[in-house]
Amino acid sequence: MSDEYWEAYARVLTDVCTTGRRLSRGELEFLRAEGERAAEKGHGLRVLVRRHLAATPTVCPALPGVGADRVFAAVEQAIDAFAEGHERAQKLAVRQEEAARREFIDDLLYGRSDLGRLAERAERFGLLLSRAHAVAVAQGDLPVDDTHPATRQVESALVARFGDRRILLTTKDGRLICIAPGDQDDVLTFFAKQAYAATEAGRVAIGRAHPGAGGVVHSYEEALNALDLADRLELDEPVLRSADLLVYPVLTRDRQAMADLVRNTLGPLRTARGGAQPLVDTLTVYFDSGCVSAEAARRLNLSVRAMTYRLERIHKLTGADPADPVHRYTLQTAVIGARLLGWPEREV
């Protein structure tokens, strides 16, 4: 703060204490404006408050006969106005920082900005886009944002564990997102554990590491696709890695071919009593059980005999024997395709 300000502060304080009046609107606005300027220059409020209090005794000798109560009231009013301006500037700076951060996140995850400019902005938020990065996305039953308790809980845990590593934690579309260097898998594994707990048994997907700004977008999309696959396939795993699910995009790359396989292989199951769904579910559990009939029967709450009957029924209707290795591959691929395409609820 300049000497001119302290001289002006002393004059205002002297006049207010001498006359017994309250600070005028102009004087209050002057103090608020000075508080804003101090904040913009990076001066801390605590130090400035102490400085105002320290300056008060220099005014008192010029105020003979003025009671201490009047002086304290004037000082309180002056400091309150100054602090209001300081806090107003701080809040504005925070809002501007949040807006810049949100704009950067949107550009980064959607790849909407010039890559060179994006890399420059990334350094401000702790990322070096010249390196490879991987993205983890956590999704719970309820959406979260930057102020959600789950976000603060996970952020505190990450800071306590990894300190100043180049990690970016944010939210997007109600999901919690962590971006970390691709060679620091321990960060994303720890994030997954913390996010799973904070989102009350949500699900976390981790994309593969890819280089550059475009790599962040690619990894983010992989994580989102993994979450979508988990929903459609009803996967139980709380943590999914896109690298472990690469077979599914391959299977669905030619959607028409997959639809033909589902219709031709499983279509006859529609003629069964109760429709195709119970038998498709039977095949799903049978394959998930390692093709062990007894285990599949237990999971379906069926007797082994009833399970055997269902498998025989599938064989008779489709012409494919689930117990035969060659037929099994076709049936299992068709069942995966049915789950991905939503058949038999939706026509394919």
Protein backbone atom coordinates (compact mmCIF):
# COMPACT_ATOMS: atom_id res chain seq x y z
CA MET A 1 0.00 0.00 0.00
CA SER A 2 1.27 3.46 -0.89
CA ASP A 3 2.07 6.24 1.56
CA GLU A 4 -0.71 8.26 -0.08
CA TYR A 5 -3.26 5.69 0.99
CA TRP A 6 -2.14 5.65 4.62
CA GLU A 7 -2.23 9.45 4.70
CA ALA A 8 -5.78 9.39 3.29
CA TYR A 9 -6.78 6.71 5.79
CA ALA A 10 -5.45 8.83 8.66
CA ARG A 11 -7.37 11.91 7.42
CA VAL A 12 -10.63 9.96 7.14
CA LEU A 13 -10.18 8.43 10.58
CA THR A 14 -9.32 11.79 12.16
CA ASP A 15 -12.34 13.56 10.65
CA VAL A 16 -14.77 10.76 11.54
CA CYS A 17 -13.56 10.52 15.13
CA THR A 18 -13.54 14.30 15.61
CA THR A 19 -17.07 14.86 14.31
CA GLY A 20 -18.55 11.61 15.61
CA ARG A 21 -20.16 10.91 12.25
CA ARG A 22 -20.10 7.61 10.36
CA LEU A 23 -18.02 7.16 7.25
CA SER A 24 -19.66 8.68 4.18
CA ARG A 25 -20.66 6.63 1.14
CA GLY A 26 -17.74 8.09 -0.81
CA GLU A 27 -15.24 7.22 1.93
CA LEU A 28 -16.57 3.65 2.16
CA GLU A 29 -16.34 3.24 -1.60
CA PHE A 30 -12.79 4.60 -1.52
CA LEU A 31 -11.80 2.02 1.08
CA ARG A 32 -13.51 -0.81 -0.85
CA ALA A 33 -11.72 0.22 -4.04
CA GLU A 34 -8.37 0.26 -2.22
CA GLY A 35 -9.15 -3.18 -0.83
CA GLU A 36 -9.78 -4.47 -4.35
CA ARG A 37 -6.54 -2.99 -5.63
CA ALA A 38 -4.60 -4.53 -2.74
CA ALA A 39 -6.05 -7.95 -3.53
CA GLU A 40 -5.23 -7.58 -7.24
CA LYS A 41 -1.62 -6.82 -6.28
CA GLY A 42 -1.49 -9.99 -4.18
CA HIS A 43 -1.41 -8.40 -0.71
CA GLY A 44 -2.82 -10.67 2.00
CA LEU A 45 -5.80 -9.43 4.00
CA ARG A 46 -4.46 -10.52 7.38
CA VAL A 47 -1.29 -8.43 6.99
CA LEU A 48 -3.27 -5.42 5.81
CA VAL A 49 -5.68 -5.58 8.75
CA ARG A 50 -2.70 -5.58 11.13
CA ARG A 51 -1.26 -2.61 9.26
CA HIS A 52 -4.55 -0.68 9.65
CA LEU A 53 -4.61 -1.42 13.37
CA ALA A 54 -0.98 -0.41 13.71
CA ALA A 55 -1.68 2.90 11.97
CA THR A 56 -4.49 3.79 14.36
CA PRO A 57 -2.31 4.86 17.37
CA THR A 58 -0.60 7.47 15.19
CA VAL A 59 -3.97 9.17 14.75
CA CYS A 60 -5.05 9.08 18.39
CA PRO A 61 -2.71 11.85 19.66
CA ALA A 62 -4.46 14.24 17.27
CA LEU A 63 -7.80 13.40 18.85
CA PRO A 64 -7.83 14.89 22.35
CA GLY A 65 -10.98 14.18 24.26
CA VAL A 66 -12.24 11.56 21.80
CA GLY A 67 -13.30 8.40 23.56
CA ALA A 68 -11.81 5.06 22.70
CA ASP A 69 -15.24 3.70 21.78
CA ARG A 70 -15.60 6.28 19.02
CA VAL A 71 -12.13 5.46 17.64
CA PHE A 72 -12.75 1.71 17.69
CA ALA A 73 -16.11 2.16 15.95
CA ALA A 74 -14.52 4.21 13.17
CA VAL A 75 -11.64 1.78 12.73
CA GLU A 76 -14.04 -1.16 12.63
CA GLN A 77 -16.15 0.51 9.93
CA ALA A 78 -13.10 1.43 7.86
CA ILE A 79 -11.48 -2.01 8.06
CA ASP A 80 -14.81 -3.68 7.28
CA ALA A 81 -15.17 -1.64 4.07
CA PHE A 82 -11.56 -2.32 3.08
CA ALA A 83 -11.98 -6.05 3.74
CA GLU A 84 -15.21 -6.12 1.73
CA GLY A 85 -13.40 -4.75 -1.30
CA HIS A 86 -10.53 -7.18 -0.82
CA GLU A 87 -12.88 -10.16 -0.57
CA ARG A 88 -14.88 -8.95 -3.57
CA ALA A 89 -11.74 -8.91 -5.69
CA GLN A 90 -10.73 -12.35 -4.41
CA LYS A 91 -14.13 -13.83 -5.28
CA LEU A 92 -13.98 -12.31 -8.74
CA ALA A 93 -10.51 -13.76 -9.26
CA VAL A 94 -11.72 -17.18 -8.13
CA ARG A 95 -14.69 -17.03 -10.49
CA GLN A 96 -12.44 -16.01 -13.37
CA GLU A 97 -10.01 -18.83 -12.53
CA GLU A 98 -12.85 -21.33 -12.35
CA ALA A 99 -14.21 -20.15 -15.68
CA ALA A 100 -10.76 -20.41 -17.30
CA ARG A 101 -10.26 -23.87 -15.80
CA ARG A 102 -13.67 -25.06 -16.97
CA GLU A 103 -13.04 -23.71 -20.48
CA PHE A 104 -9.67 -25.49 -20.53
CA ILE A 105 -11.22 -28.78 -19.36
CA ASP A 106 -13.89 -28.59 -22.05
CA ASP A 107 -11.35 -27.83 -24.75
CA LEU A 108 -9.01 -30.56 -23.51
CA LEU A 109 -11.60 -33.33 -23.29
CA TYR A 110 -13.26 -32.41 -26.59
CA GLY A 111 -10.10 -31.44 -28.49
CA ARG A 112 -11.63 -28.13 -29.57
CA SER A 113 -8.60 -25.86 -29.34
CA ASP A 114 -5.36 -25.34 -31.22
CA LEU A 115 -3.02 -28.03 -29.87
CA GLY A 116 -0.10 -25.64 -29.39
CA ARG A 117 -2.22 -23.14 -27.48
CA LEU A 118 -3.82 -25.96 -25.50
CA ALA A 119 -0.39 -27.23 -24.44
CA GLU A 120 0.54 -23.75 -23.18
CA ARG A 121 -2.67 -23.50 -21.15
CA ALA A 122 -2.20 -27.02 -19.80
CA GLU A 123 1.03 -26.09 -18.00
CA ARG A 124 -0.92 -23.54 -15.97
CA PHE A 125 -3.04 -26.40 -14.63
CA GLY A 126 -0.17 -28.80 -14.00
CA LEU A 127 -0.12 -30.89 -17.18
CA LEU A 128 2.70 -31.37 -19.67
CA LEU A 129 0.96 -32.48 -22.84
CA SER A 130 4.26 -33.44 -24.46
CA ARG A 131 3.98 -36.57 -22.30
CA ALA A 132 1.49 -39.41 -22.62
CA HIS A 133 -1.53 -39.21 -20.32
CA ALA A 134 -4.29 -41.56 -19.24
CA VAL A 135 -7.75 -40.63 -18.04
CA ALA A 136 -9.90 -42.30 -15.40
CA VAL A 137 -13.63 -41.57 -15.16
CA ALA A 138 -15.76 -42.37 -12.11
CA GLN A 139 -19.53 -42.53 -12.33
CA GLY A 140 -21.94 -43.01 -9.44
CA ASP A 141 -25.69 -43.16 -9.10
CA LEU A 142 -25.81 -39.41 -8.41
CA PRO A 143 -24.01 -36.71 -10.44
CA VAL A 144 -21.09 -34.82 -8.88
CA ASP A 145 -19.60 -31.41 -9.58
CA ASP A 146 -16.51 -29.50 -8.46
CA THR A 147 -18.09 -28.58 -5.11
CA HIS A 148 -19.52 -32.01 -4.32
CA PRO A 149 -18.22 -33.64 -1.09
CA ALA A 150 -17.04 -36.67 -3.09
CA THR A 151 -14.87 -34.42 -5.26
CA ARG A 152 -13.28 -32.74 -2.24
CA GLN A 153 -12.76 -36.10 -0.52
CA VAL A 154 -10.98 -37.64 -3.50
CA GLU A 155 -8.93 -34.49 -4.12
CA SER A 156 -7.75 -34.38 -0.50
CA ALA A 157 -6.74 -38.04 -0.66
CA LEU A 158 -4.79 -37.52 -3.90
CA VAL A 159 -2.96 -34.46 -2.57
CA ALA A 160 -2.11 -36.22 0.69
CA ARG A 161 -0.79 -39.28 -1.16
CA PHE A 162 0.96 -37.79 -4.19
CA GLY A 163 1.62 -34.16 -3.27
CA ASP A 164 2.57 -31.96 -6.22
CA ARG A 165 2.59 -34.61 -8.94
CA ARG A 166 1.16 -33.36 -12.22
CA ILE A 167 -2.40 -34.59 -11.71
CA LEU A 168 -5.60 -32.87 -12.81
CA LEU A 169 -8.85 -33.69 -11.01
CA THR A 170 -12.08 -32.30 -12.39
CA THR A 171 -15.72 -33.11 -13.13
CA LYS A 172 -17.62 -33.33 -16.40
CA ASP A 173 -21.25 -34.22 -17.05
CA GLY A 174 -21.74 -35.37 -13.48
CA ARG A 175 -18.69 -37.65 -13.52
CA LEU A 176 -15.42 -37.38 -11.60
CA ILE A 177 -12.35 -37.33 -13.85
CA CYS A 178 -8.64 -37.77 -13.14
CA ILE A 179 -5.93 -37.07 -15.72
CA ALA A 180 -2.44 -38.34 -14.89
CA PRO A 181 0.84 -39.07 -16.69
CA GLY A 182 0.61 -42.37 -18.52
CA ASP A 183 3.57 -43.88 -16.65
CA GLN A 184 1.95 -43.26 -13.24
CA ASP A 185 -0.62 -46.01 -13.11
CA ASP A 186 -0.45 -45.97 -9.32
CA VAL A 187 -2.18 -42.57 -9.38
CA LEU A 188 -5.13 -43.79 -11.41
CA THR A 189 -5.38 -47.01 -9.40
CA PHE A 190 -5.47 -44.98 -6.18
CA PHE A 191 -8.00 -42.58 -7.72
CA ALA A 192 -10.21 -45.52 -8.70
CA LYS A 193 -10.15 -46.86 -5.15
CA GLN A 194 -10.96 -43.48 -3.60
CA ALA A 195 -13.63 -42.60 -6.17
CA TYR A 196 -15.32 -45.98 -5.77
CA ALA A 197 -15.64 -45.30 -2.04
CA ALA A 198 -16.60 -41.63 -2.36
CA THR A 199 -19.33 -42.25 -4.96
CA GLU A 200 -20.84 -45.02 -2.83
CA ALA A 201 -19.91 -48.05 -4.91
CA GLY A 202 -19.87 -46.29 -8.28
CA ARG A 203 -17.89 -47.57 -11.23
CA VAL A 204 -14.54 -46.37 -12.53
CA ALA A 205 -13.12 -46.82 -16.04
CA ILE A 206 -9.49 -46.19 -16.97
CA GLY A 207 -8.48 -45.39 -20.54
CA ARG A 208 -5.15 -46.31 -22.05
CA ALA A 209 -2.24 -43.87 -22.11
CA HIS A 210 -1.82 -41.85 -25.32
CA PRO A 211 0.63 -39.05 -26.20
CA GLY A 212 -0.19 -35.40 -26.75
CA ALA A 213 -3.34 -33.33 -26.27
CA GLY A 214 -5.22 -35.58 -28.65
CA GLY A 215 -4.16 -38.50 -26.49
CA VAL A 216 -6.09 -37.12 -23.54
CA VAL A 217 -9.26 -36.99 -25.65
CA HIS A 218 -8.63 -40.53 -26.90
CA SER A 219 -8.11 -41.91 -23.38
CA TYR A 220 -11.17 -40.05 -22.09
CA GLU A 221 -13.35 -41.49 -24.85
CA GLU A 222 -12.01 -44.98 -24.14
CA ALA A 223 -12.99 -44.63 -20.49
CA LEU A 224 -16.48 -43.41 -21.41
CA ASN A 225 -16.90 -46.29 -23.86
CA ALA A 226 -15.83 -48.73 -21.16
CA LEU A 227 -18.53 -47.37 -18.83
CA ASP A 228 -21.10 -47.71 -21.61
CA LEU A 229 -20.01 -51.29 -22.32
CA ALA A 230 -20.23 -52.12 -18.62
CA ASP A 231 -23.83 -50.91 -18.54
CA ARG A 232 -24.86 -52.80 -21.66
CA LEU A 233 -23.06 -55.99 -20.69
CA GLU A 234 -24.02 -55.68 -17.02
CA LEU A 235 -20.42 -56.15 -15.92
CA ASP A 236 -19.95 -56.36 -12.16
CA GLU A 237 -16.35 -55.15 -11.91
CA PRO A 238 -16.07 -51.81 -10.06
CA VAL A 239 -12.89 -50.88 -11.96
CA LEU A 240 -12.69 -51.35 -15.72
CA ARG A 241 -9.65 -50.92 -17.93
CA SER A 242 -10.27 -50.18 -21.57
CA ALA A 243 -7.22 -52.30 -22.47
CA ASP A 244 -9.08 -55.34 -21.13
CA LEU A 245 -12.18 -54.59 -23.19
CA LEU A 246 -10.65 -54.12 -26.64
CA VAL A 247 -12.35 -57.23 -27.97
CA TYR A 248 -15.78 -55.60 -27.72
CA PRO A 249 -15.11 -52.65 -30.06
CA VAL A 250 -13.62 -55.16 -32.49
CA LEU A 251 -16.77 -57.28 -32.35
CA THR A 252 -19.05 -54.29 -32.95
CA ARG A 253 -16.93 -52.51 -35.55
CA ASP A 254 -19.08 -54.07 -38.27
CA ARG A 255 -22.48 -53.57 -36.71
CA GLN A 256 -24.39 -55.06 -39.63
CA ALA A 257 -22.32 -58.26 -39.57
CA MET A 258 -22.90 -58.56 -35.82
CA ALA A 259 -26.63 -58.00 -36.26
CA ASP A 260 -26.74 -60.71 -38.92
CA LEU A 261 -24.92 -63.12 -36.58
CA VAL A 262 -27.38 -62.40 -33.74
CA ARG A 263 -30.43 -62.85 -35.94
CA ASN A 264 -29.20 -65.99 -37.67
CA THR A 265 -27.78 -67.68 -34.56
CA LEU A 266 -30.18 -66.66 -31.82
CA GLY A 267 -33.27 -65.69 -33.80
CA PRO A 268 -34.84 -69.19 -33.49
CA LEU A 269 -34.93 -68.74 -29.70
CA ARG A 270 -37.86 -66.35 -30.16
CA THR A 271 -40.09 -69.42 -30.77
CA ALA A 272 -39.39 -70.81 -27.29
CA ARG A 273 -42.03 -70.58 -24.58
CA GLY A 274 -41.39 -67.30 -22.78
CA GLY A 275 -39.45 -65.86 -25.72
CA ALA A 276 -35.73 -65.58 -26.35
CA GLN A 277 -34.64 -63.60 -23.29
CA PRO A 278 -34.62 -66.43 -20.69
CA LEU A 279 -32.52 -68.64 -22.97
CA VAL A 280 -30.14 -65.77 -23.83
CA ASP A 281 -29.73 -65.17 -20.08
CA THR A 282 -29.07 -68.88 -19.61
CA LEU A 283 -26.30 -68.80 -22.22
CA THR A 284 -24.83 -65.63 -20.66
CA VAL A 285 -24.56 -67.23 -17.22
CA TYR A 286 -23.34 -70.52 -18.71
CA PHE A 287 -20.45 -68.80 -20.49
CA ASP A 288 -19.69 -66.57 -17.49
CA SER A 289 -19.47 -69.75 -15.38
CA GLY A 290 -16.76 -71.21 -17.59
CA CYS A 291 -19.30 -73.51 -19.30
CA VAL A 292 -19.77 -75.47 -16.06
CA SER A 293 -23.43 -76.49 -15.95
CA ALA A 294 -23.55 -77.05 -12.19
CA GLU A 295 -22.16 -73.58 -11.45
CA ALA A 296 -24.48 -71.95 -13.99
CA ALA A 297 -27.46 -73.76 -12.46
CA ARG A 298 -26.47 -72.49 -9.01
CA ARG A 299 -26.23 -68.88 -10.23
CA LEU A 300 -29.63 -69.17 -11.93
CA ASN A 301 -31.21 -70.93 -8.94
CA LEU A 302 -32.03 -73.95 -11.14
CA SER A 303 -31.50 -77.64 -10.69
CA VAL A 304 -28.76 -79.20 -12.81
CA ARG A 305 -31.47 -81.15 -14.61
CA ALA A 306 -33.36 -77.98 -15.50
CA MET A 307 -30.13 -76.38 -16.68
CA THR A 308 -29.37 -79.36 -18.87
CA TYR A 309 -32.87 -79.17 -20.34
CA ARG A 310 -32.39 -75.50 -21.24
CA LEU A 311 -29.08 -76.19 -22.97
CA GLU A 312 -30.65 -79.03 -24.93
CA ARG A 313 -33.53 -76.74 -25.89
CA ILE A 314 -31.05 -74.14 -27.15
CA HIS A 315 -29.27 -76.84 -29.16
CA LYS A 316 -32.52 -78.02 -30.71
CA LEU A 317 -33.76 -74.54 -31.65
CA THR A 318 -30.49 -73.08 -32.96
CA GLY A 319 -28.72 -76.18 -34.17
CA ALA A 320 -25.66 -75.07 -32.18
CA ASP A 321 -24.50 -77.16 -29.22
CA PRO A 322 -23.19 -75.01 -26.32
CA ALA A 323 -21.01 -77.93 -25.22
CA ASP A 324 -19.27 -78.17 -28.60
CA PRO A 325 -16.12 -75.96 -28.78
CA VAL A 326 -16.80 -74.81 -32.36
CA HIS A 327 -20.48 -74.08 -31.77
CA ARG A 328 -19.65 -72.53 -28.40
CA TYR A 329 -17.55 -69.76 -29.95
CA THR A 330 -20.34 -68.82 -32.36
CA LEU A 331 -22.97 -68.86 -29.64
CA GLN A 332 -20.86 -66.85 -27.19
CA THR A 333 -20.03 -64.23 -29.81
CA ALA A 334 -23.71 -63.97 -30.74
CA VAL A 335 -24.69 -63.61 -27.07
CA ILE A 336 -22.15 -60.81 -26.60
CA GLY A 337 -23.49 -59.14 -29.72
CA ALA A 338 -27.06 -59.47 -28.44
CA ARG A 339 -26.13 -57.77 -25.20
CA LEU A 340 -24.27 -54.98 -26.99
CA LEU A 341 -27.12 -54.40 -29.44
CA GLY A 342 -29.90 -54.76 -26.88
CA TRP A 343 -31.47 -57.80 -28.54
CA PRO A 344 -34.10 -59.23 -28.17
CA GLU A 345 -35.70 -56.10 -26.62
CA ARG A 346 -34.71 -54.14 -29.73
CA GLU A 347 -34.82 -55.38 -33.27
CA VAL A 348 -31.44 -55.51 -35.02
